C-alpha cells in the first residue's frame, strides 16, 4: 500500500489550516506522476485542481487539470512539492478521497478512491 503524504494547507482566506481543509490525499505514486507532468509543461505556476462537476449518467464527474489560479474559498494542500487545489463546492464530495496513479498493462491513469461516492455508472466515469 502506498502512503499518502499530507503537509501544509492554505486557503485563499487563511494562511495555514489543518490538512483536513479539503480532505483529498495524494499517494506518492500520484505525486511523482503529477510532478513529471508539470515538468513536461515547463511552467512553475501550475497546480493540480481537483473538482466535482455535474455530468455523466450517475450525476457527478471528477475533473483533474492543471490550473494557475487559486480562487477565493479554494483549499490548497502541498504534497511534497505538488500543490492540490479543491474549490469550496467540491470539498464535501471529496472529503476523504485518495488520488493514485496506476500504470499497469491493464490500465494507466489517475484513480480516485472516494468514500463519498454512493455508486457509479457501468463505465465508471461518473458517480453519485
N, C-alpha and C. Protein backbone atom coordinates (compact mmCIF):
# COMPACT_ATOMS: atom_id res chain seq x y z
N UNK A 1 0.84 -1.17 0.00
CA UNK A 1 0.00 0.00 0.00
C UNK A 1 0.89 1.24 0.00
N UNK A 2 0.51 2.23 -0.76
CA UNK A 2 1.29 3.46 -0.86
C UNK A 2 0.84 4.44 0.21
N UNK A 3 1.79 5.08 0.88
CA UNK A 3 1.46 6.06 1.89
C UNK A 3 0.98 7.34 1.26
N UNK A 4 0.11 8.04 1.95
CA UNK A 4 -0.36 9.33 1.50
C UNK A 4 0.42 10.40 2.24
N UNK A 5 0.91 11.39 1.51
CA UNK A 5 1.66 12.49 2.10
C UNK A 5 0.68 13.61 2.40
N UNK A 6 0.70 14.12 3.62
CA UNK A 6 -0.15 15.25 3.96
C UNK A 6 0.73 16.28 4.63
N UNK A 7 0.75 17.48 4.08
CA UNK A 7 1.61 18.50 4.64
C UNK A 7 0.83 19.78 4.94
N UNK A 8 1.33 20.89 4.47
CA UNK A 8 0.78 22.20 4.76
C UNK A 8 -0.45 22.49 3.92
N UNK A 9 -1.40 23.16 4.51
CA UNK A 9 -2.62 23.55 3.81
C UNK A 9 -2.77 25.05 3.94
N UNK A 10 -3.20 25.69 2.85
CA UNK A 10 -3.57 27.09 2.95
C UNK A 10 -4.78 27.32 2.08
N UNK A 11 -5.55 28.33 2.41
CA UNK A 11 -6.68 28.70 1.58
C UNK A 11 -6.50 30.14 1.17
N UNK A 12 -7.33 30.60 0.27
CA UNK A 12 -7.24 31.99 -0.17
C UNK A 12 -7.56 32.93 0.99
N UNK A 13 -8.28 32.44 2.01
CA UNK A 13 -8.70 33.29 3.12
C UNK A 13 -7.75 33.24 4.32
N UNK A 14 -7.09 32.09 4.57
CA UNK A 14 -6.23 31.95 5.73
C UNK A 14 -4.87 31.42 5.31
N UNK A 15 -3.87 31.69 6.12
CA UNK A 15 -2.51 31.28 5.77
C UNK A 15 -2.30 29.78 5.93
N UNK A 16 -2.54 29.22 7.11
CA UNK A 16 -2.30 27.80 7.33
C UNK A 16 -3.41 27.23 8.20
N UNK A 17 -4.03 26.16 7.72
CA UNK A 17 -5.06 25.45 8.47
C UNK A 17 -4.72 23.97 8.43
N UNK A 18 -5.34 23.14 9.28
CA UNK A 18 -5.03 21.71 9.27
C UNK A 18 -5.22 21.08 7.91
N UNK A 19 -4.49 20.01 7.64
CA UNK A 19 -4.52 19.35 6.34
C UNK A 19 -5.88 18.80 5.97
N UNK A 20 -6.81 18.74 6.90
CA UNK A 20 -8.15 18.25 6.61
C UNK A 20 -8.98 19.28 5.86
N UNK A 21 -8.40 20.42 5.51
CA UNK A 21 -9.15 21.51 4.86
C UNK A 21 -9.89 21.05 3.62
N UNK A 22 -9.25 20.25 2.77
CA UNK A 22 -10.02 19.73 1.64
C UNK A 22 -10.12 18.22 1.66
N UNK A 23 -9.41 17.56 2.53
CA UNK A 23 -9.59 16.14 2.76
C UNK A 23 -9.15 15.21 1.65
N UNK A 24 -8.50 15.72 0.61
CA UNK A 24 -8.05 14.88 -0.50
C UNK A 24 -6.61 14.46 -0.25
N UNK A 25 -6.34 13.17 -0.42
CA UNK A 25 -4.99 12.66 -0.28
C UNK A 25 -4.38 12.37 -1.64
N UNK A 26 -3.07 12.46 -1.72
CA UNK A 26 -2.34 12.17 -2.96
C UNK A 26 -1.26 11.15 -2.61
N UNK A 27 -1.29 9.98 -3.26
CA UNK A 27 -0.27 8.97 -2.96
C UNK A 27 1.08 9.42 -3.51
N UNK A 28 2.13 8.78 -3.02
CA UNK A 28 3.48 9.08 -3.52
C UNK A 28 3.56 8.86 -5.03
N UNK A 29 2.96 7.78 -5.51
CA UNK A 29 2.98 7.46 -6.94
C UNK A 29 2.29 8.55 -7.75
N UNK A 30 1.14 9.02 -7.27
CA UNK A 30 0.42 10.08 -7.96
C UNK A 30 1.21 11.38 -7.93
N UNK A 31 1.83 11.69 -6.79
CA UNK A 31 2.63 12.92 -6.69
C UNK A 31 3.79 12.89 -7.67
N UNK A 32 4.45 11.74 -7.80
CA UNK A 32 5.55 11.61 -8.77
C UNK A 32 5.06 11.84 -10.19
N UNK A 33 3.91 11.28 -10.54
CA UNK A 33 3.37 11.44 -11.89
C UNK A 33 2.98 12.89 -12.15
N UNK A 34 2.33 13.53 -11.18
CA UNK A 34 1.95 14.94 -11.34
C UNK A 34 3.20 15.79 -11.52
N UNK A 35 4.23 15.54 -10.70
CA UNK A 35 5.48 16.28 -10.82
C UNK A 35 6.08 16.11 -12.21
N UNK A 36 6.06 14.90 -12.73
CA UNK A 36 6.58 14.61 -14.07
C UNK A 36 5.79 15.38 -15.14
N UNK A 37 4.48 15.37 -15.02
CA UNK A 37 3.64 16.09 -15.99
C UNK A 37 3.85 17.60 -15.91
N UNK A 38 4.02 18.12 -14.69
CA UNK A 38 4.29 19.55 -14.53
C UNK A 38 5.63 19.92 -15.15
N UNK A 39 6.62 19.06 -15.01
CA UNK A 39 7.93 19.30 -15.63
C UNK A 39 7.79 19.36 -17.14
N UNK A 40 6.99 18.46 -17.71
CA UNK A 40 6.76 18.46 -19.16
C UNK A 40 6.07 19.74 -19.61
N UNK A 41 5.19 20.28 -18.78
CA UNK A 41 4.51 21.54 -19.11
C UNK A 41 5.48 22.71 -19.13
N UNK A 42 6.54 22.63 -18.33
CA UNK A 42 7.55 23.67 -18.31
C UNK A 42 7.11 24.96 -17.64
N UNK A 43 6.11 24.86 -16.78
CA UNK A 43 5.62 26.05 -16.06
C UNK A 43 5.63 25.76 -14.56
N UNK A 44 6.09 26.74 -13.81
CA UNK A 44 6.17 26.56 -12.36
C UNK A 44 4.99 27.17 -11.63
N UNK A 45 4.05 27.77 -12.36
CA UNK A 45 2.91 28.42 -11.72
C UNK A 45 1.67 27.53 -11.70
N UNK A 46 1.81 26.27 -12.10
CA UNK A 46 0.64 25.38 -12.19
C UNK A 46 0.52 24.49 -10.96
N UNK A 47 -0.71 24.14 -10.64
CA UNK A 47 -1.01 23.20 -9.57
C UNK A 47 -2.12 22.28 -10.06
N UNK A 48 -2.32 21.16 -9.41
CA UNK A 48 -3.37 20.22 -9.78
C UNK A 48 -4.68 20.64 -9.14
N UNK A 49 -5.68 20.89 -9.97
CA UNK A 49 -7.02 21.21 -9.46
C UNK A 49 -7.88 19.96 -9.58
N UNK A 50 -8.55 19.63 -8.48
CA UNK A 50 -9.48 18.50 -8.44
C UNK A 50 -10.86 19.07 -8.16
N UNK A 51 -11.83 18.71 -9.00
CA UNK A 51 -13.18 19.25 -8.84
C UNK A 51 -14.21 18.17 -9.12
N UNK A 52 -15.40 18.40 -8.61
CA UNK A 52 -16.56 17.57 -8.91
C UNK A 52 -17.56 18.46 -9.63
N UNK A 53 -18.04 17.99 -10.78
CA UNK A 53 -18.98 18.76 -11.60
C UNK A 53 -20.19 17.90 -11.94
N UNK A 54 -21.34 18.53 -12.19
CA UNK A 54 -22.49 17.76 -12.66
C UNK A 54 -22.18 17.15 -14.03
N UNK A 55 -22.60 15.91 -14.23
CA UNK A 55 -22.40 15.28 -15.53
C UNK A 55 -22.38 13.78 -15.43
N UNK A 56 -22.30 13.14 -16.56
CA UNK A 56 -22.27 11.68 -16.62
C UNK A 56 -23.63 11.09 -16.32
N UNK A 57 -23.75 9.79 -16.49
CA UNK A 57 -25.04 9.14 -16.31
C UNK A 57 -25.40 8.93 -14.84
N UNK A 58 -24.43 9.05 -13.92
CA UNK A 58 -24.74 8.92 -12.50
C UNK A 58 -24.88 10.26 -11.79
N UNK A 59 -24.62 11.35 -12.49
CA UNK A 59 -24.87 12.67 -11.91
C UNK A 59 -23.67 13.54 -11.66
N UNK A 60 -22.51 12.96 -11.30
CA UNK A 60 -21.33 13.75 -10.98
C UNK A 60 -20.10 13.15 -11.64
N UNK A 61 -19.18 14.02 -12.06
CA UNK A 61 -17.92 13.57 -12.65
C UNK A 61 -16.75 14.29 -11.98
N UNK A 62 -15.60 13.64 -12.00
CA UNK A 62 -14.37 14.24 -11.49
C UNK A 62 -13.69 15.01 -12.61
N UNK A 63 -13.04 16.10 -12.23
CA UNK A 63 -12.18 16.82 -13.15
C UNK A 63 -10.82 16.99 -12.48
N UNK A 64 -9.78 16.62 -13.18
CA UNK A 64 -8.40 16.84 -12.74
C UNK A 64 -7.70 17.59 -13.86
N UNK A 65 -7.16 18.74 -13.55
CA UNK A 65 -6.45 19.52 -14.56
C UNK A 65 -5.49 20.48 -13.89
N UNK A 66 -4.54 20.99 -14.67
CA UNK A 66 -3.59 21.96 -14.16
C UNK A 66 -4.19 23.35 -14.26
N UNK A 67 -3.98 24.14 -13.22
CA UNK A 67 -4.56 25.47 -13.14
C UNK A 67 -3.54 26.41 -12.50
N UNK A 68 -3.43 27.61 -13.03
CA UNK A 68 -2.53 28.60 -12.42
C UNK A 68 -3.24 29.44 -11.37
N UNK A 69 -4.56 29.34 -11.31
CA UNK A 69 -5.33 30.19 -10.40
C UNK A 69 -5.58 29.52 -9.05
N UNK A 70 -5.65 30.35 -8.01
CA UNK A 70 -6.19 29.96 -6.71
C UNK A 70 -7.26 30.99 -6.42
N UNK A 71 -8.51 30.53 -6.35
CA UNK A 71 -9.65 31.41 -6.20
C UNK A 71 -10.05 31.55 -4.74
N UNK A 72 -10.81 32.60 -4.41
CA UNK A 72 -11.33 32.78 -3.06
C UNK A 72 -12.11 31.54 -2.65
N UNK A 73 -11.82 31.04 -1.48
CA UNK A 73 -12.51 29.86 -0.97
C UNK A 73 -11.86 28.54 -1.33
N UNK A 74 -10.88 28.55 -2.25
CA UNK A 74 -10.17 27.32 -2.60
C UNK A 74 -9.35 26.83 -1.41
N UNK A 75 -9.27 25.52 -1.27
CA UNK A 75 -8.38 24.91 -0.28
C UNK A 75 -7.19 24.35 -1.05
N UNK A 76 -6.00 24.62 -0.55
CA UNK A 76 -4.77 24.21 -1.22
C UNK A 76 -3.91 23.42 -0.24
N UNK A 77 -3.48 22.23 -0.66
CA UNK A 77 -2.59 21.40 0.15
C UNK A 77 -1.35 21.11 -0.66
N UNK A 78 -0.19 21.21 -0.03
CA UNK A 78 1.07 20.88 -0.67
C UNK A 78 1.46 19.45 -0.28
N UNK A 79 1.60 18.59 -1.28
CA UNK A 79 2.02 17.21 -1.09
C UNK A 79 3.44 17.07 -1.61
N UNK A 80 4.39 17.31 -0.74
CA UNK A 80 5.80 17.14 -1.09
C UNK A 80 6.16 17.87 -2.38
N UNK A 81 5.72 19.12 -2.49
CA UNK A 81 6.03 19.95 -3.65
C UNK A 81 4.98 19.97 -4.74
N UNK A 82 3.92 19.18 -4.59
CA UNK A 82 2.82 19.18 -5.55
C UNK A 82 1.61 19.83 -4.88
N UNK A 83 1.19 20.97 -5.39
CA UNK A 83 0.04 21.66 -4.82
C UNK A 83 -1.25 21.11 -5.43
N UNK A 84 -2.19 20.75 -4.56
CA UNK A 84 -3.50 20.26 -4.97
C UNK A 84 -4.55 21.24 -4.47
N UNK A 85 -5.37 21.75 -5.40
CA UNK A 85 -6.39 22.75 -5.09
C UNK A 85 -7.77 22.13 -5.28
N UNK A 86 -8.67 22.41 -4.33
CA UNK A 86 -10.06 21.96 -4.43
C UNK A 86 -10.95 23.17 -4.16
N UNK A 87 -11.94 23.39 -5.02
CA UNK A 87 -12.86 24.51 -4.81
C UNK A 87 -13.83 24.19 -3.68
N UNK A 88 -14.38 25.23 -3.06
CA UNK A 88 -15.20 25.05 -1.86
C UNK A 88 -16.46 24.23 -2.12
N UNK A 89 -17.00 24.23 -3.33
CA UNK A 89 -18.20 23.44 -3.62
C UNK A 89 -17.87 21.95 -3.74
N UNK A 90 -16.65 21.61 -4.13
CA UNK A 90 -16.26 20.21 -4.30
C UNK A 90 -15.78 19.55 -3.02
N UNK A 91 -15.37 20.35 -2.04
CA UNK A 91 -14.79 19.81 -0.80
C UNK A 91 -15.68 18.74 -0.16
N UNK A 92 -16.99 18.97 0.04
CA UNK A 92 -17.80 17.93 0.70
C UNK A 92 -17.86 16.62 -0.08
N UNK A 93 -17.79 16.68 -1.39
CA UNK A 93 -17.84 15.48 -2.22
C UNK A 93 -16.52 14.71 -2.20
N UNK A 94 -15.42 15.41 -1.89
CA UNK A 94 -14.09 14.81 -1.98
C UNK A 94 -13.44 14.51 -0.64
N UNK A 95 -14.09 14.86 0.46
CA UNK A 95 -13.51 14.67 1.78
C UNK A 95 -13.19 13.19 2.01
N UNK A 96 -11.94 12.87 2.25
CA UNK A 96 -11.51 11.50 2.47
C UNK A 96 -11.08 10.77 1.21
N UNK A 97 -11.19 11.41 0.06
CA UNK A 97 -10.81 10.77 -1.21
C UNK A 97 -9.29 10.68 -1.33
N UNK A 98 -8.83 9.66 -2.02
CA UNK A 98 -7.41 9.46 -2.25
C UNK A 98 -7.16 9.32 -3.75
N UNK A 99 -6.19 10.07 -4.26
CA UNK A 99 -5.84 10.02 -5.68
C UNK A 99 -4.56 9.20 -5.83
N UNK A 100 -4.61 8.24 -6.73
CA UNK A 100 -3.46 7.39 -7.01
C UNK A 100 -3.21 7.40 -8.51
N UNK A 101 -2.05 6.93 -8.93
CA UNK A 101 -1.77 6.75 -10.35
C UNK A 101 -1.41 5.30 -10.57
N UNK A 102 -2.09 4.68 -11.52
CA UNK A 102 -1.83 3.28 -11.86
C UNK A 102 -1.20 3.21 -13.23
N UNK A 103 -0.18 2.37 -13.35
CA UNK A 103 0.50 2.17 -14.63
C UNK A 103 0.77 0.68 -14.78
N UNK A 104 -0.25 -0.03 -15.26
CA UNK A 104 -0.14 -1.47 -15.45
C UNK A 104 -0.44 -1.80 -16.90
N UNK A 105 -0.29 -3.05 -17.24
CA UNK A 105 -0.60 -3.49 -18.60
C UNK A 105 -2.10 -3.36 -18.88
N UNK A 106 -2.91 -3.41 -17.83
CA UNK A 106 -4.36 -3.35 -17.98
C UNK A 106 -4.90 -1.93 -18.04
N UNK A 107 -4.27 -1.02 -17.30
CA UNK A 107 -4.75 0.37 -17.32
C UNK A 107 -3.66 1.33 -16.88
N UNK A 108 -3.80 2.55 -17.36
CA UNK A 108 -2.89 3.61 -16.98
C UNK A 108 -3.71 4.87 -16.74
N UNK A 109 -3.48 5.51 -15.62
CA UNK A 109 -4.15 6.77 -15.35
C UNK A 109 -4.37 6.99 -13.86
N UNK A 110 -4.91 8.16 -13.57
CA UNK A 110 -5.21 8.52 -12.19
C UNK A 110 -6.51 7.85 -11.78
N UNK A 111 -6.54 7.38 -10.53
CA UNK A 111 -7.75 6.80 -9.97
C UNK A 111 -8.10 7.57 -8.70
N UNK A 112 -9.38 7.65 -8.42
CA UNK A 112 -9.83 8.32 -7.21
C UNK A 112 -10.65 7.33 -6.39
N UNK A 113 -10.18 7.06 -5.19
CA UNK A 113 -10.92 6.22 -4.25
C UNK A 113 -11.67 7.18 -3.33
N UNK A 114 -12.99 7.25 -3.50
CA UNK A 114 -13.79 8.25 -2.80
C UNK A 114 -14.84 7.57 -1.93
N UNK A 115 -14.71 7.68 -0.60
CA UNK A 115 -15.69 7.05 0.29
C UNK A 115 -17.07 7.71 0.21
N UNK A 116 -17.17 8.88 -0.40
CA UNK A 116 -18.45 9.59 -0.51
C UNK A 116 -19.27 9.16 -1.72
N UNK A 117 -18.66 8.43 -2.64
CA UNK A 117 -19.37 8.01 -3.85
C UNK A 117 -20.30 6.86 -3.49
N UNK A 118 -21.61 7.09 -3.67
CA UNK A 118 -22.60 6.08 -3.34
C UNK A 118 -22.68 4.98 -4.37
N UNK A 119 -22.24 5.23 -5.55
CA UNK A 119 -22.27 4.27 -6.64
C UNK A 119 -21.79 4.94 -7.89
N UNK A 120 -21.58 4.15 -8.94
CA UNK A 120 -21.13 4.73 -10.20
C UNK A 120 -21.84 4.05 -11.35
N UNK A 121 -21.66 4.61 -12.52
CA UNK A 121 -22.28 4.03 -13.71
C UNK A 121 -21.46 2.83 -14.19
N UNK A 122 -21.96 2.13 -15.17
CA UNK A 122 -21.29 0.94 -15.68
C UNK A 122 -19.90 1.24 -16.24
N UNK A 123 -19.75 2.41 -16.89
CA UNK A 123 -18.44 2.74 -17.47
C UNK A 123 -17.47 3.26 -16.42
N UNK A 124 -17.97 3.65 -15.24
CA UNK A 124 -17.11 4.12 -14.17
C UNK A 124 -16.66 5.56 -14.28
N UNK A 125 -17.21 6.31 -15.23
CA UNK A 125 -16.80 7.70 -15.42
C UNK A 125 -17.53 8.69 -14.52
N UNK A 126 -18.65 8.30 -13.95
CA UNK A 126 -19.39 9.22 -13.09
C UNK A 126 -19.86 8.50 -11.84
N UNK A 127 -20.32 9.28 -10.86
CA UNK A 127 -20.74 8.70 -9.58
C UNK A 127 -21.88 9.53 -9.01
N UNK A 128 -22.46 9.02 -7.93
CA UNK A 128 -23.50 9.77 -7.20
C UNK A 128 -23.29 9.60 -5.71
